[in-house]
């Protein structure tokens, strides 16, 4: 019974660690995608103004 408890503790810790790492990686990637989207939006607006002038 004690080995089962330790196995569950290790599994929970590993899952927590994987979730924590993925959260931080996904957080950074979302910020990078947001910056890229804003840059593309600005470039698109600049191109439209250049054509209409």
Protein backbone atom coordinates (compact mmCIF):
# COMPACT_ATOMS: atom_id res chain seq x y z
CA UNK A 1 0.00 0.00 0.00
CA UNK A 2 2.85 2.38 0.77
CA UNK A 3 4.39 1.80 -2.66
CA UNK A 4 1.07 2.62 -4.31
CA UNK A 5 0.91 5.89 -2.39
CA UNK A 6 4.46 6.82 -3.44
CA UNK A 7 3.65 5.95 -7.04
CA UNK A 8 0.62 8.26 -6.97
CA UNK A 9 2.71 11.03 -5.41
CA UNK A 10 5.36 10.73 -8.12
CA UNK A 11 2.75 10.65 -10.90
CA UNK A 12 1.02 13.74 -9.52
CA UNK A 13 4.32 15.58 -9.19
CA UNK A 14 5.37 14.72 -12.74
CA UNK A 15 2.00 15.81 -14.15
CA UNK A 16 2.17 19.05 -12.17
CA UNK A 17 5.69 19.73 -13.45
CA UNK A 18 4.71 19.04 -17.07
CA UNK A 19 1.67 21.29 -16.76
CA UNK A 20 3.73 24.08 -15.20
CA UNK A 21 6.36 23.91 -17.95
CA UNK A 22 3.77 23.80 -20.75
CA UNK A 23 1.91 26.75 -19.26
CA UNK A 24 5.06 28.88 -19.34
CA UNK A 25 5.98 27.80 -22.88
CA UNK A 26 2.47 28.40 -24.19
CA UNK A 27 2.37 31.77 -22.43
CA UNK A 28 5.49 32.90 -24.28
CA UNK A 29 4.26 31.60 -27.61
CA UNK A 30 0.95 33.44 -27.23
CA UNK A 31 2.81 36.70 -26.63
CA UNK A 32 5.01 36.11 -29.67
CA UNK A 33 1.97 35.37 -31.85
CA UNK A 34 0.25 38.50 -30.55
CA UNK A 35 3.27 40.65 -31.44
CA UNK A 36 3.44 39.10 -34.93
CA UNK A 37 -0.28 39.73 -35.46
CA UNK A 38 0.07 43.39 -34.44
CA UNK A 39 3.05 43.86 -36.76
CA UNK A 40 1.13 42.31 -39.67
CA UNK A 41 -1.87 44.51 -38.91
CA UNK A 42 0.29 47.65 -38.95
CA UNK A 43 1.96 46.61 -42.20
CA UNK A 44 -1.43 45.91 -43.78
CA UNK A 45 -2.77 49.33 -42.72
CA UNK A 46 0.34 51.06 -44.07
CA UNK A 47 0.00 49.31 -47.43
CA UNK A 48 -3.68 50.29 -47.73
CA UNK A 49 -2.93 53.95 -47.00
CA UNK A 50 -0.15 53.95 -49.59
CA UNK A 51 -2.50 52.65 -52.29
CA UNK A 52 -5.35 55.05 -51.56
CA UNK A 53 -3.15 58.17 -51.61
